[in-house]
Amino acid sequence: MFSATGNILSGSPNRPDTYTIATKESKNQGFISTSSSSMGSTNCTLNNLGYIPGVSTITGCGRALLGIVHSIVHLATAIFDSKNRAKHLEEAKLGGKNIARGLVEMIPVIGNITMFVVDLKRTNKFEKQAEEVMNKNPNEYNNHITLFIYGNEIAKRPTNDVNKELAELAKTKKPSQSDLINIIQKKT
């Protein structure tokens, strides 16, 4: 399915704006995680600019306008594409969220602090959800690296396999977070 604004507005399950990579190396070691709100998207840049007073007034306005376009296109498409209606309605909802976020970001200082706190709480929430999943079946996650998106497990691989592939990749370039995600998602 297409996105009316390309990958600029992320935040849907198909284009997540935050993820958690978690590992549990042994039975005695606790949960270790790292979260990011990037996924290498323009949305990450917009989020970061949304924390800067003054700059966020401009980027917030742009985000709100993109959200309006995104919502209108997907609502119109949902009318004519009954087969993918639910997906288009989800995309329209994403546009609505970006309209709201853009409007909040336009408010200097208060809007910036608000969005920073919201993003921080979201990231912490998803990390806790990942930790709860891993603690329910700890043996299943021992010596594995797991990718969670919005608190849901997406992929899991043995730590040794991931480390070998990262070491091999490091011979040709410095591995990025996107590389790590691709390696974790790779089926063996």
N, C-alpha and C. Protein backbone atom coordinates (compact mmCIF):
# COMPACT_ATOMS: atom_id res chain seq x y z
N MET A 1 0.84 -1.18 0.00
CA MET A 1 0.00 0.00 0.00
C MET A 1 0.88 1.24 0.00
N PHE A 2 0.40 2.27 -0.63
CA PHE A 2 1.17 3.50 -0.73
C PHE A 2 0.91 4.42 0.47
N SER A 3 1.80 5.38 0.62
CA SER A 3 1.63 6.42 1.62
C SER A 3 1.54 7.74 0.87
N ALA A 4 0.53 8.53 1.17
CA ALA A 4 0.30 9.79 0.44
C ALA A 4 1.48 10.75 0.55
N THR A 5 2.23 10.67 1.63
CA THR A 5 3.36 11.58 1.81
C THR A 5 4.69 10.83 1.81
N GLY A 6 4.72 9.69 1.16
CA GLY A 6 5.94 8.89 1.12
C GLY A 6 6.32 8.43 2.51
N ASN A 7 7.59 8.44 2.81
CA ASN A 7 8.06 8.02 4.14
C ASN A 7 8.29 9.19 5.08
N ILE A 8 7.82 10.37 4.71
CA ILE A 8 8.04 11.53 5.56
C ILE A 8 7.32 11.37 6.89
N LEU A 9 6.07 10.91 6.85
CA LEU A 9 5.31 10.70 8.08
C LEU A 9 5.34 9.23 8.45
N SER A 10 6.12 8.90 9.44
CA SER A 10 6.14 7.52 9.91
C SER A 10 5.31 7.44 11.18
N GLY A 11 5.13 6.25 11.66
CA GLY A 11 4.34 6.07 12.87
C GLY A 11 3.30 4.99 12.72
N SER A 12 3.25 4.37 11.55
CA SER A 12 2.34 3.25 11.35
C SER A 12 3.14 1.96 11.50
N PRO A 13 2.45 0.83 11.65
CA PRO A 13 3.19 -0.44 11.77
C PRO A 13 4.09 -0.72 10.56
N ASN A 14 3.70 -0.24 9.39
CA ASN A 14 4.53 -0.45 8.19
C ASN A 14 5.73 0.48 8.14
N ARG A 15 5.63 1.63 8.79
CA ARG A 15 6.70 2.62 8.84
C ARG A 15 6.85 3.10 10.28
N PRO A 16 7.39 2.25 11.15
CA PRO A 16 7.47 2.63 12.56
C PRO A 16 8.42 3.80 12.80
N ASP A 17 8.12 4.59 13.81
CA ASP A 17 8.98 5.71 14.16
C ASP A 17 9.81 5.41 15.40
N THR A 18 9.55 4.29 16.03
CA THR A 18 10.34 3.90 17.20
C THR A 18 10.41 2.39 17.27
N TYR A 19 11.50 1.89 17.79
CA TYR A 19 11.69 0.45 17.93
C TYR A 19 12.57 0.19 19.14
N THR A 20 12.58 -1.05 19.58
CA THR A 20 13.42 -1.46 20.70
C THR A 20 14.20 -2.69 20.27
N ILE A 21 15.49 -2.67 20.50
CA ILE A 21 16.33 -3.85 20.29
C ILE A 21 16.76 -4.31 21.67
N ALA A 22 16.41 -5.54 22.00
CA ALA A 22 16.67 -6.04 23.35
C ALA A 22 17.45 -7.34 23.29
N THR A 23 18.23 -7.56 24.33
CA THR A 23 19.01 -8.79 24.42
C THR A 23 19.04 -9.28 25.86
N LYS A 24 19.13 -10.57 26.00
CA LYS A 24 19.30 -11.20 27.30
C LYS A 24 20.37 -12.24 27.08
N GLU A 25 21.56 -11.97 27.57
CA GLU A 25 22.71 -12.80 27.24
C GLU A 25 22.80 -14.11 28.01
N SER A 26 22.28 -14.15 29.22
CA SER A 26 22.33 -15.40 29.98
C SER A 26 21.21 -15.40 31.00
N LYS A 27 21.03 -16.53 31.64
CA LYS A 27 19.95 -16.65 32.63
C LYS A 27 20.13 -15.68 33.79
N ASN A 28 21.37 -15.38 34.15
CA ASN A 28 21.64 -14.53 35.31
C ASN A 28 21.61 -13.04 34.96
N GLN A 29 21.78 -12.74 33.70
CA GLN A 29 21.84 -11.34 33.31
C GLN A 29 20.44 -10.81 33.05
N GLY A 30 20.21 -9.58 33.42
CA GLY A 30 18.91 -8.96 33.21
C GLY A 30 18.70 -8.52 31.79
N PHE A 31 17.59 -7.90 31.58
CA PHE A 31 17.15 -7.38 30.29
C PHE A 31 17.98 -6.15 29.93
N ILE A 32 18.50 -6.12 28.71
CA ILE A 32 19.25 -4.96 28.22
C ILE A 32 18.55 -4.51 26.94
N SER A 33 18.26 -3.23 26.85
CA SER A 33 17.60 -2.76 25.63
C SER A 33 18.15 -1.42 25.20
N THR A 34 17.91 -1.15 23.93
CA THR A 34 18.21 0.16 23.38
C THR A 34 17.04 0.53 22.50
N SER A 35 16.55 1.71 22.64
CA SER A 35 15.43 2.16 21.82
C SER A 35 15.87 3.34 20.99
N SER A 36 15.23 3.46 19.87
CA SER A 36 15.51 4.60 19.02
C SER A 36 14.20 5.08 18.42
N SER A 37 14.17 6.34 18.12
CA SER A 37 12.99 6.89 17.49
C SER A 37 13.32 7.33 16.08
N SER A 38 14.18 6.57 15.43
CA SER A 38 14.54 7.01 14.10
C SER A 38 14.02 6.09 13.01
N MET A 39 14.64 4.99 12.79
CA MET A 39 14.41 4.13 11.64
C MET A 39 14.89 4.86 10.39
N GLY A 40 15.77 5.84 10.55
CA GLY A 40 16.38 6.53 9.42
C GLY A 40 15.40 7.33 8.58
N SER A 41 14.38 7.86 9.19
CA SER A 41 13.35 8.56 8.43
C SER A 41 13.44 10.07 8.58
N THR A 42 12.77 10.75 7.67
CA THR A 42 12.64 12.20 7.75
C THR A 42 11.85 12.57 9.00
N ASN A 43 10.94 11.67 9.41
CA ASN A 43 10.13 11.92 10.59
C ASN A 43 11.00 12.09 11.83
N CYS A 44 12.08 11.33 11.93
CA CYS A 44 13.01 11.47 13.06
C CYS A 44 13.59 12.88 13.08
N THR A 45 13.97 13.38 11.91
CA THR A 45 14.50 14.74 11.83
C THR A 45 13.44 15.74 12.24
N LEU A 46 12.20 15.54 11.76
CA LEU A 46 11.11 16.44 12.15
C LEU A 46 10.89 16.39 13.66
N ASN A 47 10.94 15.19 14.25
CA ASN A 47 10.77 15.07 15.70
C ASN A 47 11.85 15.84 16.44
N ASN A 48 13.10 15.68 16.02
CA ASN A 48 14.21 16.37 16.69
C ASN A 48 14.10 17.89 16.52
N LEU A 49 13.72 18.35 15.34
CA LEU A 49 13.53 19.78 15.13
C LEU A 49 12.35 20.30 15.94
N GLY A 50 11.41 19.42 16.24
CA GLY A 50 10.24 19.80 17.03
C GLY A 50 10.55 20.10 18.47
N TYR A 51 11.76 19.80 18.92
CA TYR A 51 12.17 20.10 20.29
C TYR A 51 12.83 21.47 20.40
N ILE A 52 13.10 22.12 19.28
CA ILE A 52 13.84 23.39 19.27
C ILE A 52 12.87 24.56 19.14
N PRO A 53 12.78 25.41 20.18
CA PRO A 53 11.86 26.56 20.11
C PRO A 53 12.19 27.44 18.90
N GLY A 54 11.17 27.95 18.27
CA GLY A 54 11.35 28.79 17.09
C GLY A 54 11.37 27.96 15.82
N VAL A 55 12.34 27.06 15.73
CA VAL A 55 12.44 26.16 14.57
C VAL A 55 11.18 25.29 14.49
N SER A 56 10.72 24.84 15.65
CA SER A 56 9.56 23.94 15.68
C SER A 56 8.28 24.63 15.23
N THR A 57 8.24 25.95 15.31
CA THR A 57 7.06 26.66 14.82
C THR A 57 6.92 26.45 13.32
N ILE A 58 8.03 26.47 12.62
CA ILE A 58 8.03 26.26 11.17
C ILE A 58 7.82 24.78 10.84
N THR A 59 8.60 23.90 11.48
CA THR A 59 8.47 22.48 11.18
C THR A 59 7.12 21.92 11.65
N GLY A 60 6.60 22.45 12.74
CA GLY A 60 5.28 22.01 13.22
C GLY A 60 4.19 22.37 12.23
N CYS A 61 4.30 23.55 11.65
CA CYS A 61 3.35 23.97 10.62
C CYS A 61 3.45 23.05 9.41
N GLY A 62 4.67 22.75 9.00
CA GLY A 62 4.88 21.83 7.88
C GLY A 62 4.32 20.45 8.17
N ARG A 63 4.55 19.96 9.39
CA ARG A 63 4.05 18.64 9.78
C ARG A 63 2.53 18.62 9.75
N ALA A 64 1.92 19.67 10.29
CA ALA A 64 0.45 19.74 10.31
C ALA A 64 -0.11 19.76 8.88
N LEU A 65 0.52 20.53 7.99
CA LEU A 65 0.06 20.58 6.60
C LEU A 65 0.23 19.22 5.91
N LEU A 66 1.36 18.56 6.14
CA LEU A 66 1.56 17.22 5.59
C LEU A 66 0.51 16.25 6.14
N GLY A 67 0.20 16.38 7.41
CA GLY A 67 -0.82 15.54 8.03
C GLY A 67 -2.18 15.75 7.39
N ILE A 68 -2.50 16.99 7.08
CA ILE A 68 -3.78 17.30 6.42
C ILE A 68 -3.84 16.63 5.05
N VAL A 69 -2.78 16.81 4.26
CA VAL A 69 -2.72 16.19 2.93
C VAL A 69 -2.82 14.67 3.06
N HIS A 70 -2.06 14.11 3.97
CA HIS A 70 -2.03 12.66 4.18
C HIS A 70 -3.43 12.15 4.53
N SER A 71 -4.09 12.82 5.44
CA SER A 71 -5.44 12.40 5.87
C SER A 71 -6.45 12.51 4.74
N ILE A 72 -6.44 13.61 4.04
CA ILE A 72 -7.42 13.82 2.96
C ILE A 72 -7.25 12.76 1.87
N VAL A 73 -6.02 12.54 1.44
CA VAL A 73 -5.77 11.56 0.38
C VAL A 73 -6.22 10.17 0.81
N HIS A 74 -5.88 9.78 2.04
CA HIS A 74 -6.23 8.43 2.48
C HIS A 74 -7.72 8.28 2.79
N LEU A 75 -8.37 9.33 3.25
CA LEU A 75 -9.82 9.25 3.46
C LEU A 75 -10.54 9.13 2.11
N ALA A 76 -10.09 9.89 1.13
CA ALA A 76 -10.68 9.80 -0.21
C ALA A 76 -10.43 8.43 -0.82
N THR A 77 -9.24 7.92 -0.66
CA THR A 77 -8.90 6.61 -1.21
C THR A 77 -9.71 5.52 -0.52
N ALA A 78 -9.95 5.65 0.78
CA ALA A 78 -10.73 4.65 1.52
C ALA A 78 -12.14 4.53 0.96
N ILE A 79 -12.68 5.60 0.43
CA ILE A 79 -14.03 5.58 -0.15
C ILE A 79 -14.07 4.67 -1.37
N PHE A 80 -13.03 4.73 -2.20
CA PHE A 80 -13.04 4.01 -3.47
C PHE A 80 -12.33 2.66 -3.43
N ASP A 81 -11.51 2.43 -2.44
CA ASP A 81 -10.74 1.17 -2.34
C ASP A 81 -11.24 0.36 -1.15
N SER A 82 -12.36 -0.32 -1.34
CA SER A 82 -12.97 -1.06 -0.22
C SER A 82 -12.09 -2.22 0.24
N LYS A 83 -11.28 -2.76 -0.65
CA LYS A 83 -10.40 -3.88 -0.29
C LYS A 83 -9.36 -3.48 0.75
N ASN A 84 -8.84 -2.27 0.65
CA ASN A 84 -7.80 -1.77 1.57
C ASN A 84 -8.30 -0.66 2.48
N ARG A 85 -9.60 -0.59 2.68
CA ARG A 85 -10.20 0.51 3.44
C ARG A 85 -9.59 0.65 4.84
N ALA A 86 -9.45 -0.46 5.56
CA ALA A 86 -8.93 -0.40 6.92
C ALA A 86 -7.51 0.20 6.95
N LYS A 87 -6.69 -0.19 5.99
CA LYS A 87 -5.32 0.35 5.93
C LYS A 87 -5.33 1.85 5.63
N HIS A 88 -6.21 2.26 4.73
CA HIS A 88 -6.28 3.69 4.41
C HIS A 88 -6.81 4.49 5.61
N LEU A 89 -7.74 3.92 6.35
CA LEU A 89 -8.23 4.61 7.54
C LEU A 89 -7.15 4.72 8.61
N GLU A 90 -6.30 3.68 8.73
CA GLU A 90 -5.16 3.75 9.65
C GLU A 90 -4.20 4.86 9.24
N GLU A 91 -3.96 4.98 7.93
CA GLU A 91 -3.08 6.04 7.43
C GLU A 91 -3.70 7.42 7.66
N ALA A 92 -5.03 7.52 7.50
CA ALA A 92 -5.70 8.80 7.77
C ALA A 92 -5.56 9.16 9.25
N LYS A 93 -5.67 8.16 10.12
CA LYS A 93 -5.49 8.37 11.56
C LYS A 93 -4.07 8.87 11.85
N LEU A 94 -3.09 8.28 11.17
CA LEU A 94 -1.70 8.72 11.31
C LEU A 94 -1.57 10.19 10.89
N GLY A 95 -2.24 10.57 9.82
CA GLY A 95 -2.24 11.98 9.40
C GLY A 95 -2.82 12.86 10.49
N GLY A 96 -3.89 12.41 11.12
CA GLY A 96 -4.51 13.17 12.21
C GLY A 96 -3.57 13.34 13.39
N LYS A 97 -2.83 12.29 13.71
CA LYS A 97 -1.85 12.38 14.81
C LYS A 97 -0.77 13.41 14.48
N ASN A 98 -0.36 13.44 13.22
CA ASN A 98 0.67 14.41 12.82
C ASN A 98 0.14 15.83 12.78
N ILE A 99 -1.14 15.98 12.47
CA ILE A 99 -1.74 17.32 12.54
C ILE A 99 -1.68 17.81 13.99
N ALA A 100 -2.10 16.94 14.92
CA ALA A 100 -2.09 17.31 16.34
C ALA A 100 -0.67 17.60 16.83
N ARG A 101 0.27 16.74 16.46
CA ARG A 101 1.65 16.95 16.90
C ARG A 101 2.19 18.26 16.33
N GLY A 102 1.92 18.52 15.07
CA GLY A 102 2.39 19.76 14.46
C GLY A 102 1.83 20.99 15.15
N LEU A 103 0.56 20.93 15.50
CA LEU A 103 -0.06 22.08 16.19
C LEU A 103 0.57 22.31 17.56
N VAL A 104 0.87 21.22 18.28
CA VAL A 104 1.52 21.35 19.59
C VAL A 104 2.94 21.90 19.41
N GLU A 105 3.67 21.38 18.42
CA GLU A 105 5.05 21.84 18.19
C GLU A 105 5.12 23.32 17.83
N MET A 106 4.07 23.87 17.27
CA MET A 106 4.08 25.28 16.88
C MET A 106 4.10 26.21 18.09
N ILE A 107 3.76 25.72 19.26
CA ILE A 107 3.75 26.53 20.47
C ILE A 107 5.17 26.55 21.05
N PRO A 108 5.86 27.67 20.98
CA PRO A 108 7.25 27.72 21.47
C PRO A 108 7.35 27.33 22.95
N VAL A 109 8.39 26.65 23.29
CA VAL A 109 8.80 26.20 24.62
C VAL A 109 7.81 25.17 25.20
N ILE A 110 6.57 25.57 25.45
CA ILE A 110 5.61 24.63 26.05
C ILE A 110 5.38 23.44 25.12
N GLY A 111 5.20 23.70 23.83
CA GLY A 111 5.00 22.64 22.86
C GLY A 111 6.22 21.76 22.72
N ASN A 112 7.41 22.38 22.77
CA ASN A 112 8.65 21.63 22.65
C ASN A 112 8.83 20.67 23.82
N ILE A 113 8.62 21.19 25.02
CA ILE A 113 8.75 20.37 26.23
C ILE A 113 7.70 19.26 26.22
N THR A 114 6.48 19.60 25.83
CA THR A 114 5.40 18.61 25.79
C THR A 114 5.75 17.45 24.86
N MET A 115 6.22 17.74 23.66
CA MET A 115 6.52 16.68 22.70
C MET A 115 7.73 15.86 23.14
N PHE A 116 8.71 16.50 23.78
CA PHE A 116 9.86 15.76 24.29
C PHE A 116 9.41 14.75 25.34
N VAL A 117 8.56 15.20 26.25
CA VAL A 117 8.06 14.32 27.32
C VAL A 117 7.20 13.20 26.73
N VAL A 118 6.34 13.53 25.77
CA VAL A 118 5.50 12.51 25.12
C VAL A 118 6.38 11.46 24.46
N ASP A 119 7.40 11.88 23.71
CA ASP A 119 8.28 10.93 23.04
C ASP A 119 9.03 10.06 24.03
N LEU A 120 9.50 10.66 25.11
CA LEU A 120 10.22 9.93 26.14
C LEU A 120 9.32 8.87 26.79
N LYS A 121 8.09 9.25 27.12
CA LYS A 121 7.14 8.32 27.74
C LYS A 121 6.78 7.19 26.79
N ARG A 122 6.60 7.51 25.51
CA ARG A 122 6.29 6.46 24.52
C ARG A 122 7.43 5.45 24.45
N THR A 123 8.65 5.94 24.35
CA THR A 123 9.81 5.05 24.25
C THR A 123 9.91 4.17 25.49
N ASN A 124 9.74 4.76 26.67
CA ASN A 124 9.80 3.98 27.91
C ASN A 124 8.69 2.94 27.97
N LYS A 125 7.51 3.30 27.51
CA LYS A 125 6.37 2.37 27.49
C LYS A 125 6.69 1.15 26.63
N PHE A 126 7.23 1.39 25.43
CA PHE A 126 7.53 0.28 24.53
C PHE A 126 8.67 -0.57 25.06
N GLU A 127 9.66 0.04 25.73
CA GLU A 127 10.74 -0.74 26.34
C GLU A 127 10.18 -1.65 27.44
N LYS A 128 9.27 -1.13 28.26
CA LYS A 128 8.66 -1.93 29.33
C LYS A 128 7.84 -3.08 28.75
N GLN A 129 7.12 -2.82 27.66
CA GLN A 129 6.34 -3.88 27.03
C GLN A 129 7.27 -4.98 26.51
N ALA A 130 8.39 -4.60 25.92
CA ALA A 130 9.36 -5.58 25.42
C ALA A 130 9.93 -6.39 26.58
N GLU A 131 10.25 -5.71 27.67
CA GLU A 131 10.79 -6.40 28.84
C GLU A 131 9.78 -7.39 29.41
N GLU A 132 8.51 -7.01 29.46
CA GLU A 132 7.47 -7.91 29.96
C GLU A 132 7.36 -9.15 29.09
N VAL A 133 7.41 -8.97 27.78
CA VAL A 133 7.34 -10.12 26.86
C VAL A 133 8.51 -11.05 27.12
N MET A 134 9.70 -10.50 27.26
CA MET A 134 10.89 -11.32 27.47
C MET A 134 10.87 -12.00 28.84
N ASN A 135 10.31 -11.36 29.84
CA ASN A 135 10.27 -11.95 31.18
C ASN A 135 9.24 -13.07 31.31
N LYS A 136 8.25 -13.10 30.42
CA LYS A 136 7.25 -14.17 30.45
C LYS A 136 7.85 -15.51 30.04
N ASN A 137 8.77 -15.50 29.10
CA ASN A 137 9.44 -16.71 28.61
C ASN A 137 10.94 -16.48 28.57
N PRO A 138 11.59 -16.32 29.73
CA PRO A 138 13.00 -15.91 29.73
C PRO A 138 13.93 -16.88 28.99
N ASN A 139 13.67 -18.17 29.07
CA ASN A 139 14.57 -19.13 28.41
C ASN A 139 14.54 -18.98 26.89
N GLU A 140 13.42 -18.56 26.37
CA GLU A 140 13.27 -18.38 24.93
C GLU A 140 14.14 -17.22 24.41
N TYR A 141 14.46 -16.29 25.29
CA TYR A 141 15.20 -15.09 24.88
C TYR A 141 16.67 -15.10 25.30
N ASN A 142 17.09 -16.09 26.09
CA ASN A 142 18.49 -16.16 26.50
C ASN A 142 19.38 -16.25 25.27
N ASN A 143 20.43 -15.45 25.25
CA ASN A 143 21.41 -15.43 24.17
C ASN A 143 20.79 -15.11 22.81
N HIS A 144 19.79 -14.23 22.82
CA HIS A 144 19.15 -13.78 21.59
C HIS A 144 19.06 -12.26 21.59
N ILE A 145 19.05 -11.70 20.38
CA ILE A 145 18.78 -10.28 20.19
C ILE A 145 17.41 -10.21 19.52
N THR A 146 16.54 -9.40 20.07
CA THR A 146 15.15 -9.34 19.60
C THR A 146 14.79 -7.92 19.20
N LEU A 147 14.08 -7.81 18.08
CA LEU A 147 13.58 -6.53 17.60
C LEU A 147 12.11 -6.43 17.95
N PHE A 148 11.75 -5.35 18.65
CA PHE A 148 10.36 -5.07 18.99
C PHE A 148 9.97 -3.76 18.32
N ILE A 149 8.78 -3.72 17.75
CA ILE A 149 8.24 -2.48 17.22
C ILE A 149 6.92 -2.23 17.95
N TYR A 150 6.84 -1.08 18.60
CA TYR A 150 5.68 -0.71 19.41
C TYR A 150 5.37 -1.78 20.46
N GLY A 151 6.42 -2.36 21.05
CA GLY A 151 6.25 -3.34 22.12
C GLY A 151 5.94 -4.74 21.65
N ASN A 152 5.83 -4.95 20.34
CA ASN A 152 5.53 -6.28 19.80
C ASN A 152 6.78 -6.88 19.16
N GLU A 153 7.01 -8.16 19.44
CA GLU A 153 8.17 -8.83 18.86
C GLU A 153 8.01 -8.97 17.36
N ILE A 154 9.05 -8.56 16.63
CA ILE A 154 9.04 -8.64 15.18
C ILE A 154 10.00 -9.73 14.70
N ALA A 155 11.17 -9.80 15.32
CA ALA A 155 12.17 -10.79 14.91
C ALA A 155 13.12 -11.07 16.06
N LYS A 156 13.69 -12.28 16.02
CA LYS A 156 14.63 -12.69 17.08
C LYS A 156 15.68 -13.59 16.44
N ARG A 157 16.95 -13.37 16.81
CA ARG A 157 18.04 -14.19 16.31
C ARG A 157 19.04 -14.45 17.42
N PRO A 158 19.75 -15.57 17.35
CA PRO A 158 20.80 -15.83 18.33
C PRO A 158 21.88 -14.73 18.29
N THR A 159 22.33 -14.33 19.45
CA THR A 159 23.32 -13.25 19.56
C THR A 159 24.58 -13.57 18.77
N ASN A 160 25.06 -14.81 18.84
CA ASN A 160 26.28 -15.18 18.12
C ASN A 160 26.13 -14.99 16.62
N ASP A 161 24.98 -15.38 16.05
CA ASP A 161 24.75 -15.21 14.61
C ASP A 161 24.78 -13.73 14.23
N VAL A 162 24.12 -12.91 15.02
CA VAL A 162 24.07 -11.47 14.74
C VAL A 162 25.48 -10.88 14.84
N ASN A 163 26.22 -11.25 15.88
CA ASN A 163 27.58 -10.72 16.05
C ASN A 163 28.49 -11.14 14.89
N LYS A 164 28.36 -12.36 14.40
CA LYS A 164 29.17 -12.81 13.26
C LYS A 164 28.86 -11.98 12.02
N GLU A 165 27.58 -11.77 11.75
CA GLU A 165 27.21 -10.99 10.57
C GLU A 165 27.65 -9.53 10.70
N LEU A 166 27.54 -8.97 11.90
CA LEU A 166 28.01 -7.60 12.11
C LEU A 166 29.51 -7.49 11.91
N ALA A 167 30.26 -8.48 12.39
CA ALA A 167 31.72 -8.48 12.22
C ALA A 167 32.09 -8.58 10.74
N GLU A 168 31.36 -9.39 10.01
CA GLU A 168 31.60 -9.54 8.57
C GLU A 168 31.31 -8.23 7.84
N LEU A 169 30.21 -7.59 8.20
CA LEU A 169 29.84 -6.32 7.60
C LEU A 169 30.85 -5.23 7.95
N ALA A 170 31.38 -5.28 9.17
CA ALA A 170 32.33 -4.26 9.64
C ALA A 170 33.63 -4.27 8.81
N LYS A 171 33.89 -5.34 8.10
CA LYS A 171 35.08 -5.40 7.25
C LYS A 171 34.95 -4.46 6.05
N THR A 172 33.70 -4.17 5.65
CA THR A 172 33.49 -3.33 4.48
C THR A 172 32.95 -1.94 4.81
N LYS A 173 32.24 -1.82 5.94
CA LYS A 173 31.71 -0.51 6.33
C LYS A 173 31.35 -0.54 7.81
N LYS A 174 31.12 0.65 8.35
CA LYS A 174 30.69 0.73 9.75
C LYS A 174 29.19 0.40 9.80
N PRO A 175 28.82 -0.67 10.50
CA PRO A 175 27.40 -1.05 10.55
C PRO A 175 26.55 0.03 11.23
N SER A 176 25.37 0.26 10.68
CA SER A 176 24.43 1.24 11.23
C SER A 176 23.31 0.51 11.96
N GLN A 177 22.42 1.28 12.59
CA GLN A 177 21.26 0.67 13.25
C GLN A 177 20.38 -0.02 12.22
N SER A 178 20.25 0.54 11.04
CA SER A 178 19.46 -0.10 9.97
C SER A 178 20.06 -1.44 9.59
N ASP A 179 21.39 -1.51 9.55
CA ASP A 179 22.05 -2.79 9.26
C ASP A 179 21.73 -3.82 10.34
N LEU A 180 21.81 -3.39 11.60
CA LEU A 180 21.50 -4.29 12.71
C LEU A 180 20.07 -4.80 12.62
N ILE A 181 19.14 -3.91 12.32
CA ILE A 181 17.73 -4.31 12.19
C ILE A 181 17.57 -5.32 11.06
N ASN A 182 18.21 -5.06 9.91
CA ASN A 182 18.13 -6.00 8.78
C ASN A 182 18.71 -7.35 9.14
N ILE A 183 19.80 -7.37 9.88
CA ILE A 183 20.43 -8.63 10.28
C ILE A 183 19.51 -9.39 11.24
N ILE A 184 18.91 -8.70 12.19
CA ILE A 184 18.00 -9.37 13.12
C ILE A 184 16.81 -9.94 12.39
N GLN A 185 16.29 -9.23 11.40
CA GLN A 185 15.12 -9.67 10.66
C GLN A 185 15.42 -10.75 9.63
N LYS A 186 16.68 -10.94 9.32
CA LYS A 186 17.07 -11.92 8.31
C LYS A 186 16.73 -13.32 8.78
N LYS A 187 16.06 -14.07 7.93
CA LYS A 187 15.70 -15.45 8.26
C LYS A 187 16.90 -16.35 7.98
N THR A 188 17.13 -17.28 8.89
CA THR A 188 18.26 -18.21 8.69
C THR A 188 17.76 -19.55 8.23
